[in-house]
Amino acid sequence: MVLLPESLQALKKVAKEVGLDLRGASLNLDGGFDSIANRKCIFNAAIHALRLRVERTFAWEDKFKRLLLRFERIQQRHYGMKLMAYTLINLRAFCGT
């Protein structure tokens, strides 16, 4: 976590030397990198909003034990369970229960 600012500068330097354009690139970090200093280094409102949606979706999925523990071995069945869970999440949100 402490090395992130220094590492980002090194990444920019290497990208510049090899001719790699980083504009429009996104950076995905684990929650362990979450600190005020690191947020200032990488803050981008669009990325932050997307990350918030992704984390919220994972939290919603965790409410469904069948998805959390992955009882289904067959991919299509697991995907179907996810679709049912998302449907229930949306119904709860729209119906207000």
PDB file of N, CA and C in Angstrom:
ATOM      1  N   MET A   1       0.819  -1.178   0.000  1.00  0.00           N
ATOM      2  CA  MET A   1       0.000   0.000   0.000  1.00  0.00           C
ATOM      3  C   MET A   1       0.871   1.253   0.000  1.00  0.00           C
ATOM      4  N   VAL A   2       1.964   1.211   0.711  1.00  0.00           N
ATOM      5  CA  VAL A   2       2.822   2.387   0.817  1.00  0.00           C
ATOM      6  C   VAL A   2       3.598   2.630  -0.477  1.00  0.00           C
ATOM      7  N   LEU A   3       3.827   1.578  -1.236  1.00  0.00           N
ATOM      8  CA  LEU A   3       4.627   1.682  -2.450  1.00  0.00           C
ATOM      9  C   LEU A   3       3.825   2.050  -3.690  1.00  0.00           C
ATOM     10  N   LEU A   4       2.511   2.189  -3.560  1.00  0.00           N
ATOM     11  CA  LEU A   4       1.680   2.445  -4.736  1.00  0.00           C
ATOM     12  C   LEU A   4       2.068   3.719  -5.484  1.00  0.00           C
ATOM     13  N   PRO A   5       2.200   4.877  -4.828  1.00  0.00           N
ATOM     14  CA  PRO A   5       2.562   6.089  -5.587  1.00  0.00           C
ATOM     15  C   PRO A   5       3.878   5.940  -6.346  1.00  0.00           C
ATOM     16  N   GLU A   6       4.865   5.355  -5.695  1.00  0.00           N
ATOM     17  CA  GLU A   6       6.173   5.143  -6.332  1.00  0.00           C
ATOM     18  C   GLU A   6       6.054   4.161  -7.501  1.00  0.00           C
ATOM     19  N   SER A   7       5.252   3.124  -7.328  1.00  0.00           N
ATOM     20  CA  SER A   7       5.063   2.123  -8.383  1.00  0.00           C
ATOM     21  C   SER A   7       4.338   2.711  -9.582  1.00  0.00           C
ATOM     22  N   LEU A   8       3.362   3.564  -9.338  1.00  0.00           N
ATOM     23  CA  LEU A   8       2.652   4.203 -10.448  1.00  0.00           C
ATOM     24  C   LEU A   8       3.581   5.092 -11.268  1.00  0.00           C
ATOM     25  N   GLN A   9       4.457   5.814 -10.585  1.00  0.00           N
ATOM     26  CA  GLN A   9       5.428   6.646 -11.299  1.00  0.00           C
ATOM     27  C   GLN A   9       6.370   5.789 -12.144  1.00  0.00           C
ATOM     28  N   ALA A  10       6.813   4.656 -11.584  1.00  0.00           N
ATOM     29  CA  ALA A  10       7.691   3.745 -12.328  1.00  0.00           C
ATOM     30  C   ALA A  10       6.964   3.167 -13.538  1.00  0.00           C
ATOM     31  N   LEU A  11       5.682   2.823 -13.364  1.00  0.00           N
ATOM     32  CA  LEU A  11       4.892   2.300 -14.472  1.00  0.00           C
ATOM     33  C   LEU A  11       4.770   3.331 -15.589  1.00  0.00           C
ATOM     34  N   LYS A  12       4.506   4.576 -15.232  1.00  0.00           N
ATOM     35  CA  LYS A  12       4.403   5.639 -16.229  1.00  0.00           C
ATOM     36  C   LYS A  12       5.711   5.810 -16.985  1.00  0.00           C
ATOM     37  N   LYS A  13       6.828   5.726 -16.255  1.00  0.00           N
ATOM     38  CA  LYS A  13       8.149   5.894 -16.871  1.00  0.00           C
ATOM     39  C   LYS A  13       8.428   4.763 -17.866  1.00  0.00           C
ATOM     40  N   VAL A  14       8.155   3.534 -17.461  1.00  0.00           N
ATOM     41  CA  VAL A  14       8.388   2.384 -18.341  1.00  0.00           C
ATOM     42  C   VAL A  14       7.474   2.460 -19.565  1.00  0.00           C
ATOM     43  N   ALA A  15       6.214   2.820 -19.351  1.00  0.00           N
ATOM     44  CA  ALA A  15       5.270   2.933 -20.468  1.00  0.00           C
ATOM     45  C   ALA A  15       5.734   3.984 -21.466  1.00  0.00           C
ATOM     46  N   LYS A  16       6.257   5.088 -20.953  1.00  0.00           N
ATOM     47  CA  LYS A  16       6.748   6.153 -21.833  1.00  0.00           C
ATOM     48  C   LYS A  16       7.957   5.682 -22.637  1.00  0.00           C
ATOM     49  N   GLU A  17       8.860   4.951 -21.979  1.00  0.00           N
ATOM     50  CA  GLU A  17      10.072   4.471 -22.651  1.00  0.00           C
ATOM     51  C   GLU A  17       9.764   3.470 -23.762  1.00  0.00           C
ATOM     52  N   VAL A  18       8.762   2.632 -23.572  1.00  0.00           N
ATOM     53  CA  VAL A  18       8.442   1.628 -24.587  1.00  0.00           C
ATOM     54  C   VAL A  18       7.378   2.113 -25.567  1.00  0.00           C
ATOM     55  N   GLY A  19       6.887   3.326 -25.372  1.00  0.00           N
ATOM     56  CA  GLY A  19       5.924   3.901 -26.298  1.00  0.00           C
ATOM     57  C   GLY A  19       4.492   3.443 -26.082  1.00  0.00           C
ATOM     58  N   LEU A  20       4.163   3.045 -24.867  1.00  0.00           N
ATOM     59  CA  LEU A  20       2.820   2.576 -24.537  1.00  0.00           C
ATOM     60  C   LEU A  20       1.969   3.742 -24.056  1.00  0.00           C
ATOM     61  N   ASP A  21       0.808   3.910 -24.643  1.00  0.00           N
ATOM     62  CA  ASP A  21      -0.106   4.987 -24.266  1.00  0.00           C
ATOM     63  C   ASP A  21      -1.069   4.482 -23.198  1.00  0.00           C
ATOM     64  N   LEU A  22      -1.042   5.091 -22.009  1.00  0.00           N
ATOM     65  CA  LEU A  22      -1.887   4.653 -20.902  1.00  0.00           C
ATOM     66  C   LEU A  22      -3.187   5.453 -20.782  1.00  0.00           C
ATOM     67  N   ARG A  23      -3.410   6.396 -21.689  1.00  0.00           N
ATOM     68  CA  ARG A  23      -4.656   7.170 -21.616  1.00  0.00           C
ATOM     69  C   ARG A  23      -5.853   6.254 -21.809  1.00  0.00           C
ATOM     70  N   GLY A  24      -6.832   6.397 -20.948  1.00  0.00           N
ATOM     71  CA  GLY A  24      -8.031   5.575 -21.014  1.00  0.00           C
ATOM     72  C   GLY A  24      -7.888   4.224 -20.336  1.00  0.00           C
ATOM     73  N   ALA A  25      -6.688   3.915 -19.832  1.00  0.00           N
ATOM     74  CA  ALA A  25      -6.484   2.650 -19.137  1.00  0.00           C
ATOM     75  C   ALA A  25      -7.109   2.733 -17.747  1.00  0.00           C
ATOM     76  N   SER A  26      -7.520   1.593 -17.229  1.00  0.00           N
ATOM     77  CA  SER A  26      -8.096   1.573 -15.884  1.00  0.00           C
ATOM     78  C   SER A  26      -7.217   0.748 -14.961  1.00  0.00           C
ATOM     79  N   LEU A  27      -7.312   1.046 -13.697  1.00  0.00           N
ATOM     80  CA  LEU A  27      -6.514   0.373 -12.677  1.00  0.00           C
ATOM     81  C   LEU A  27      -7.468  -0.257 -11.682  1.00  0.00           C
ATOM     82  N   ASN A  28      -7.347  -1.546 -11.462  1.00  0.00           N
ATOM     83  CA  ASN A  28      -8.214  -2.263 -10.542  1.00  0.00           C
ATOM     84  C   ASN A  28      -7.366  -2.753  -9.374  1.00  0.00           C
ATOM     85  N   LEU A  29      -7.696  -2.294  -8.176  1.00  0.00           N
ATOM     86  CA  LEU A  29      -6.913  -2.645  -6.995  1.00  0.00           C
ATOM     87  C   LEU A  29      -7.770  -3.361  -5.973  1.00  0.00           C
ATOM     88  N   ASP A  30      -7.134  -4.156  -5.164  1.00  0.00           N
ATOM     89  CA  ASP A  30      -7.780  -4.832  -4.053  1.00  0.00           C
ATOM     90  C   ASP A  30      -8.109  -3.826  -2.951  1.00  0.00           C
ATOM     91  N   GLY A  31      -9.031  -4.166  -2.068  1.00  0.00           N
ATOM     92  CA  GLY A  31      -9.414  -3.289  -0.973  1.00  0.00           C
ATOM     93  C   GLY A  31      -8.260  -2.942  -0.047  1.00  0.00           C
ATOM     94  N   GLY A  32      -7.204  -3.747  -0.040  1.00  0.00           N
ATOM     95  CA  GLY A  32      -6.043  -3.484   0.802  1.00  0.00           C
ATOM     96  C   GLY A  32      -5.295  -2.218   0.413  1.00  0.00           C
ATOM     97  N   PHE A  33      -5.518  -1.735  -0.796  1.00  0.00           N
ATOM     98  CA  PHE A  33      -4.857  -0.520  -1.257  1.00  0.00           C
ATOM     99  C   PHE A  33      -5.668   0.731  -0.950  1.00  0.00           C
ATOM    100  N   ASP A  34      -6.786   0.560  -0.270  1.00  0.00           N
ATOM    101  CA  ASP A  34      -7.676   1.686  -0.001  1.00  0.00           C
ATOM    102  C   ASP A  34      -7.129   2.548   1.138  1.00  0.00           C
ATOM    103  N   SER A  35      -6.687   3.721   0.795  1.00  0.00           N
ATOM    104  CA  SER A  35      -6.245   4.704   1.785  1.00  0.00           C
ATOM    105  C   SER A  35      -6.443   6.089   1.185  1.00  0.00           C
ATOM    106  N   ILE A  36      -6.449   7.095   2.014  1.00  0.00           N
ATOM    107  CA  ILE A  36      -6.666   8.462   1.535  1.00  0.00           C
ATOM    108  C   ILE A  36      -5.573   8.870   0.553  1.00  0.00           C
ATOM    109  N   ALA A  37      -4.330   8.564   0.878  1.00  0.00           N
ATOM    110  CA  ALA A  37      -3.206   8.941   0.006  1.00  0.00           C
ATOM    111  C   ALA A  37      -3.308   8.245  -1.358  1.00  0.00           C
ATOM    112  N   ASN A  38      -3.635   6.958  -1.353  1.00  0.00           N
ATOM    113  CA  ASN A  38      -3.739   6.227  -2.620  1.00  0.00           C
ATOM    114  C   ASN A  38      -4.942   6.684  -3.441  1.00  0.00           C
ATOM    115  N   ARG A  39      -6.024   7.040  -2.777  1.00  0.00           N
ATOM    116  CA  ARG A  39      -7.181   7.555  -3.512  1.00  0.00           C
ATOM    117  C   ARG A  39      -6.828   8.847  -4.237  1.00  0.00           C
ATOM    118  N   LYS A  40      -6.011   9.682  -3.591  1.00  0.00           N
ATOM    119  CA  LYS A  40      -5.593  10.929  -4.237  1.00  0.00           C
ATOM    120  C   LYS A  40      -4.712  10.646  -5.446  1.00  0.00           C
ATOM    121  N   CYS A  41      -3.916   9.571  -5.390  1.00  0.00           N
ATOM    122  CA  CYS A  41      -3.034   9.213  -6.509  1.00  0.00           C
ATOM    123  C   CYS A  41      -3.822   8.748  -7.728  1.00  0.00           C
ATOM    124  N   ILE A  42      -4.894   8.011  -7.510  1.00  0.00           N
ATOM    125  CA  ILE A  42      -5.552   7.345  -8.630  1.00  0.00           C
ATOM    126  C   ILE A  42      -6.991   7.761  -8.825  1.00  0.00           C
ATOM    127  N   PHE A  43      -7.469   8.734  -8.081  1.00  0.00           N
ATOM    128  CA  PHE A  43      -8.899   9.021  -8.103  1.00  0.00           C
ATOM    129  C   PHE A  43      -9.374   9.414  -9.491  1.00  0.00           C
ATOM    130  N   ASN A  44     -10.398   8.722  -9.898  1.00  0.00           N
ATOM    131  CA  ASN A  44     -11.102   9.016 -11.136  1.00  0.00           C
ATOM    132  C   ASN A  44     -12.570   8.730 -10.830  1.00  0.00           C
ATOM    133  N   ALA A  45     -13.419   9.711 -10.962  1.00  0.00           N
ATOM    134  CA  ALA A  45     -14.822   9.572 -10.557  1.00  0.00           C
ATOM    135  C   ALA A  45     -15.516   8.420 -11.281  1.00  0.00           C
ATOM    136  N   ALA A  46     -15.221   8.230 -12.550  1.00  0.00           N
ATOM    137  CA  ALA A  46     -15.873   7.159 -13.312  1.00  0.00           C
ATOM    138  C   ALA A  46     -15.446   5.791 -12.800  1.00  0.00           C
ATOM    139  N   ILE A  47     -14.157   5.625 -12.555  1.00  0.00           N
ATOM    140  CA  ILE A  47     -13.654   4.348 -12.050  1.00  0.00           C
ATOM    141  C   ILE A  47     -14.201   4.088 -10.654  1.00  0.00           C
ATOM    142  N   HIS A  48     -14.239   5.122  -9.828  1.00  0.00           N
ATOM    143  CA  HIS A  48     -14.744   4.978  -8.467  1.00  0.00           C
ATOM    144  C   HIS A  48     -16.211   4.554  -8.489  1.00  0.00           C
ATOM    145  N   ALA A  49     -17.014   5.140  -9.349  1.00  0.00           N
ATOM    146  CA  ALA A  49     -18.434   4.789  -9.444  1.00  0.00           C
ATOM    147  C   ALA A  49     -18.604   3.351  -9.911  1.00  0.00           C
ATOM    148  N   LEU A  50     -17.795   2.936 -10.890  1.00  0.00           N
ATOM    149  CA  LEU A  50     -17.866   1.566 -11.381  1.00  0.00           C
ATOM    150  C   LEU A  50     -17.472   0.592 -10.287  1.00  0.00           C
ATOM    151  N   ARG A  51     -16.406   0.885  -9.584  1.00  0.00           N
ATOM    152  CA  ARG A  51     -15.936   0.017  -8.501  1.00  0.00           C
ATOM    153  C   ARG A  51     -17.009  -0.135  -7.424  1.00  0.00           C
ATOM    154  N   LEU A  52     -17.702   0.968  -7.121  1.00  0.00           N
ATOM    155  CA  LEU A  52     -18.764   0.933  -6.135  1.00  0.00           C
ATOM    156  C   LEU A  52     -19.885  -0.013  -6.574  1.00  0.00           C
ATOM    157  N   ARG A  53     -20.258   0.044  -7.859  1.00  0.00           N
ATOM    158  CA  ARG A  53     -21.303  -0.838  -8.377  1.00  0.00           C
ATOM    159  C   ARG A  53     -20.881  -2.302  -8.335  1.00  0.00           C
ATOM    160  N   VAL A  54     -19.626  -2.565  -8.687  1.00  0.00           N
ATOM    161  CA  VAL A  54     -19.129  -3.943  -8.681  1.00  0.00           C
ATOM    162  C   VAL A  54     -19.139  -4.498  -7.260  1.00  0.00           C
ATOM    163  N   GLU A  55     -18.627  -3.734  -6.309  1.00  0.00           N
ATOM    164  CA  GLU A  55     -18.589  -4.193  -4.925  1.00  0.00           C
ATOM    165  C   GLU A  55     -19.990  -4.380  -4.363  1.00  0.00           C
ATOM    166  N   ARG A  56     -20.922  -3.505  -4.727  1.00  0.00           N
ATOM    167  CA  ARG A  56     -22.306  -3.629  -4.270  1.00  0.00           C
ATOM    168  C   ARG A  56     -22.930  -4.904  -4.834  1.00  0.00           C
ATOM    169  N   THR A  57     -22.635  -5.211  -6.090  1.00  0.00           N
ATOM    170  CA  THR A  57     -23.163  -6.430  -6.708  1.00  0.00           C
ATOM    171  C   THR A  57     -22.628  -7.665  -6.002  1.00  0.00           C
ATOM    172  N   PHE A  58     -21.340  -7.678  -5.683  1.00  0.00           N
ATOM    173  CA  PHE A  58     -20.764  -8.805  -4.947  1.00  0.00           C
ATOM    174  C   PHE A  58     -21.418  -8.947  -3.576  1.00  0.00           C
ATOM    175  N   ALA A  59     -21.679  -7.839  -2.912  1.00  0.00           N
ATOM    176  CA  ALA A  59     -22.335  -7.888  -1.601  1.00  0.00           C
ATOM    177  C   ALA A  59     -23.739  -8.462  -1.722  1.00  0.00           C
ATOM    178  N   TRP A  60     -24.466  -8.083  -2.781  1.00  0.00           N
ATOM    179  CA  TRP A  60     -25.803  -8.628  -3.005  1.00  0.00           C
ATOM    180  C   TRP A  60     -25.730 -10.125  -3.271  1.00  0.00           C
ATOM    181  N   GLU A  61     -24.751 -10.545  -4.068  1.00  0.00           N
ATOM    182  CA  GLU A  61     -24.592 -11.970  -4.360  1.00  0.00           C
ATOM    183  C   GLU A  61     -24.318 -12.761  -3.093  1.00  0.00           C
ATOM    184  N   ASP A  62     -23.577 -12.178  -2.173  1.00  0.00           N
ATOM    185  CA  ASP A  62     -23.219 -12.874  -0.935  1.00  0.00           C
ATOM    186  C   ASP A  62     -24.436 -13.190  -0.071  1.00  0.00           C
ATOM    187  N   LYS A  63     -25.551 -12.528  -0.311  1.00  0.00           N
ATOM    188  CA  LYS A  63     -26.768 -12.808   0.452  1.00  0.00           C
ATOM    189  C   LYS A  63     -27.399 -14.135   0.037  1.00  0.00           C
ATOM    190  N   PHE A  64     -27.018 -14.650  -1.115  1.00  0.00           N
ATOM    191  CA  PHE A  64     -27.574 -15.902  -1.613  1.00  0.00           C
ATOM    192  C   PHE A  64     -26.561 -17.019  -1.380  1.00  0.00           C
ATOM    193  N   LYS A  65     -26.857 -17.845  -0.378  1.00  0.00           N
ATOM    194  CA  LYS A  65     -25.921 -18.887   0.052  1.00  0.00           C
ATOM    195  C   LYS A  65     -25.540 -19.834  -1.086  1.00  0.00           C
ATOM    196  N   ARG A  66     -26.494 -20.132  -1.943  1.00  0.00           N
ATOM    197  CA  ARG A  66     -26.230 -21.043  -3.057  1.00  0.00           C
ATOM    198  C   ARG A  66     -25.178 -20.486  -4.008  1.00  0.00           C
ATOM    199  N   LEU A  67     -25.133 -19.183  -4.148  1.00  0.00           N
ATOM    200  CA  LEU A  67     -24.129 -18.559  -5.009  1.00  0.00           C
ATOM    201  C   LEU A  67     -22.807 -18.409  -4.273  1.00  0.00           C
ATOM    202  N   LEU A  68     -22.895 -18.118  -2.992  1.00  0.00           N
ATOM    203  CA  LEU A  68     -21.689 -17.882  -2.203  1.00  0.00           C
ATOM    204  C   LEU A  68     -20.828 -19.138  -2.109  1.00  0.00           C
ATOM    205  N   LEU A  69     -21.469 -20.270  -1.872  1.00  0.00           N
ATOM    206  CA  LEU A  69     -20.719 -21.519  -1.686  1.00  0.00           C
ATOM    207  C   LEU A  69     -20.563 -22.326  -2.977  1.00  0.00           C
ATOM    208  N   ARG A  70     -21.232 -21.902  -4.033  1.00  0.00           N
ATOM    209  CA  ARG A  70     -21.165 -22.547  -5.353  1.00  0.00           C
ATOM    210  C   ARG A  70     -21.477 -24.035  -5.263  1.00  0.00           C
ATOM    211  N   PHE A  71     -22.735 -24.335  -4.905  1.00  0.00           N
ATOM    212  CA  PHE A  71     -23.186 -25.723  -4.844  1.00  0.00           C
ATOM    213  C   PHE A  71     -23.276 -26.344  -6.231  1.00  0.00           C
ATOM    214  N   GLU A  72     -23.616 -25.542  -7.220  1.00  0.00           N
ATOM    215  CA  GLU A  72     -23.803 -26.063  -8.567  1.00  0.00           C
ATOM    216  C   GLU A  72     -22.456 -26.256  -9.256  1.00  0.00           C
ATOM    217  N   ARG A  73     -22.236 -27.464  -9.759  1.00  0.00           N
ATOM    218  CA  ARG A  73     -20.980 -27.738 -10.460  1.00  0.00           C
ATOM    219  C   ARG A  73     -21.090 -27.418 -11.947  1.00  0.00           C
ATOM    220  N   ILE A  74     -22.290 -27.499 -12.481  1.00  0.00           N
ATOM    221  CA  ILE A  74     -22.503 -27.247 -13.900  1.00  0.00           C
ATOM    222  C   ILE A  74     -22.642 -25.746 -14.112  1.00  0.00           C
ATOM    223  N   GLN A  75     -21.851 -25.205 -15.005  1.00  0.00           N
ATOM    224  CA  GLN A  75     -21.778 -23.759 -15.233  1.00  0.00           C
ATOM    225  C   GLN A  75     -23.131 -23.148 -15.581  1.00  0.00           C
ATOM    226  N   GLN A  76     -23.901 -23.809 -16.451  1.00  0.00           N
ATOM    227  CA  GLN A  76     -25.192 -23.263 -16.870  1.00  0.00           C
ATOM    228  C   GLN A  76     -26.160 -23.152 -15.691  1.00  0.00           C
ATOM    229  N   ARG A  77     -26.126 -24.121 -14.805  1.00  0.00           N
ATOM    230  CA  ARG A  77     -27.005 -24.064 -13.631  1.00  0.00           C
ATOM    231  C   ARG A  77     -26.588 -22.933 -12.695  1.00  0.00           C
ATOM    232  N   HIS A  78     -25.294 -22.790 -12.508  1.00  0.00           N
ATOM    233  CA  HIS A  78     -24.808 -21.705 -11.639  1.00  0.00           C
ATOM    234  C   HIS A  78     -25.185 -20.346 -12.234  1.00  0.00           C
ATOM    235  N   TYR A  79     -25.038 -20.216 -13.531  1.00  0.00           N
ATOM    236  CA  TYR A  79     -25.414 -18.972 -14.211  1.00  0.00           C
ATOM    237  C   TYR A  79     -26.922 -18.716 -14.056  1.00  0.00           C
ATOM    238  N   GLY A  80     -27.727 -19.764 -14.174  1.00  0.00           N
ATOM    239  CA  GLY A  80     -29.163 -19.642 -13.971  1.00  0.00           C
ATOM    240  C   GLY A  80     -29.497 -19.180 -12.564  1.00  0.00           C
ATOM    241  N   MET A  81     -28.781 -19.722 -11.579  1.00  0.00           N
ATOM    242  CA  MET A  81     -28.990 -19.294 -10.186  1.00  0.00           C
ATOM    243  C   MET A  81     -28.647 -17.817 -10.021  1.00  0.00           C
ATOM    244  N   LYS A  82     -27.586 -17.385 -10.684  1.00  0.00           N
ATOM    245  CA  LYS A  82     -27.222 -15.969 -10.616  1.00  0.00           C
ATOM    246  C   LYS A  82     -28.318 -15.098 -11.225  1.00  0.00           C
ATOM    247  N   LEU A  83     -28.858 -15.524 -12.351  1.00  0.00           N
ATOM    248  CA  LEU A  83     -29.926 -14.748 -12.983  1.00  0.00           C
ATOM    249  C   LEU A  83     -31.158 -14.670 -12.082  1.00  0.00           C
ATOM    250  N   MET A  84     -31.485 -15.780 -11.414  1.00  0.00           N
ATOM    251  CA  MET A  84     -32.620 -15.751 -10.486  1.00  0.00           C
ATOM    252  C   MET A  84     -32.341 -14.821  -9.307  1.00  0.00           C
ATOM    253  N   ALA A  85     -31.108 -14.849  -8.803  1.00  0.00           N
ATOM    254  CA  ALA A  85     -30.748 -13.974  -7.684  1.00  0.00           C
ATOM    255  C   ALA A  85     -30.841 -12.509  -8.105  1.00  0.00           C
ATOM    256  N   TYR A  86     -30.331 -12.178  -9.286  1.00  0.00           N
ATOM    257  CA  TYR A  86     -30.401 -10.794  -9.760  1.00  0.00           C
ATOM    258  C   TYR A  86     -31.846 -10.355  -9.980  1.00  0.00           C
ATOM    259  N   THR A  87     -32.673 -11.288 -10.444  1.00  0.00           N
ATOM    260  CA  THR A  87     -34.087 -10.977 -10.620  1.00  0.00           C
ATOM    261  C   THR A  87     -34.730 -10.658  -9.277  1.00  0.00           C
ATOM    262  N   LEU A  88     -34.435 -11.461  -8.266  1.00  0.00           N
ATOM    263  CA  LEU A  88     -34.984 -11.202  -6.930  1.00  0.00           C
ATOM    264  C   LEU A  88     -34.482  -9.876  -6.364  1.00  0.00           C
ATOM    265  N   ILE A  89     -33.220  -9.582  -6.590  1.00  0.00           N
ATOM    266  CA  ILE A  89     -32.656  -8.309  -6.123  1.00  0.00           C
ATOM    267  C   ILE A  89     -33.395  -7.147  -6.765  1.00  0.00           C
ATOM    268  N   ASN A  90     -33.613  -7.233  -8.070  1.00  0.00           N
ATOM    269  CA  ASN A  90     -34.316  -6.151  -8.772  1.00  0.00           C
ATOM    270  C   ASN A  90     -35.770  -6.049  -8.345  1.00  0.00           C
ATOM    271  N   LEU A  91     -36.431  -7.189  -8.152  1.00  0.00           N
ATOM    272  CA  LEU A  91     -37.820  -7.155  -7.690  1.00  0.00           C
ATOM    273  C   LEU A  91     -37.919  -6.486  -6.318  1.00  0.00           C
ATOM    274  N   ARG A  92     -37.008  -6.817  -5.425  1.00  0.00           N
ATOM    275  CA  ARG A  92     -37.010  -6.207  -4.090  1.00  0.00           C
ATOM    276  C   ARG A  92     -36.791  -4.692  -4.192  1.00  0.00           C
ATOM    277  N   ALA A  93     -35.902  -4.306  -5.084  1.00  0.00           N
ATOM    278  CA  ALA A  93     -35.621  -2.867  -5.232  1.00  0.00           C
ATOM    279  C   ALA A  93     -36.810  -2.112  -5.809  1.00  0.00           C
ATOM    280  N   PHE A  94     -37.456  -2.706  -6.822  1.00  0.00           N
ATOM    281  CA  PHE A  94     -38.559  -2.008  -7.486  1.00  0.00           C
ATOM    282  C   PHE A  94     -39.862  -2.071  -6.684  1.00  0.00           C
ATOM    283  N   CYS A  95     -40.055  -3.176  -5.945  1.00  0.00           N
ATOM    284  CA  CYS A  95     -41.298  -3.321  -5.171  1.00  0.00           C
ATOM    285  C   CYS A  95     -41.166  -2.707  -3.774  1.00  0.00           C
ATOM    286  N   GLY A  96     -39.943  -2.418  -3.371  1.00  0.00           N
ATOM    287  CA  GLY A  96     -39.727  -1.761  -2.080  1.00  0.00           C
ATOM    288  C   GLY A  96     -39.869  -2.663  -0.877  1.00  0.00           C
ATOM    289  N   THR A  97     -39.605  -3.967  -1.043  1.00  0.00           N
ATOM    290  CA  THR A  97     -39.684  -4.872   0.103  1.00  0.00           C
ATOM    291  C   THR A  97     -38.311  -5.296   0.538  1.00  0.00           C
TER     292      THR A  97
END
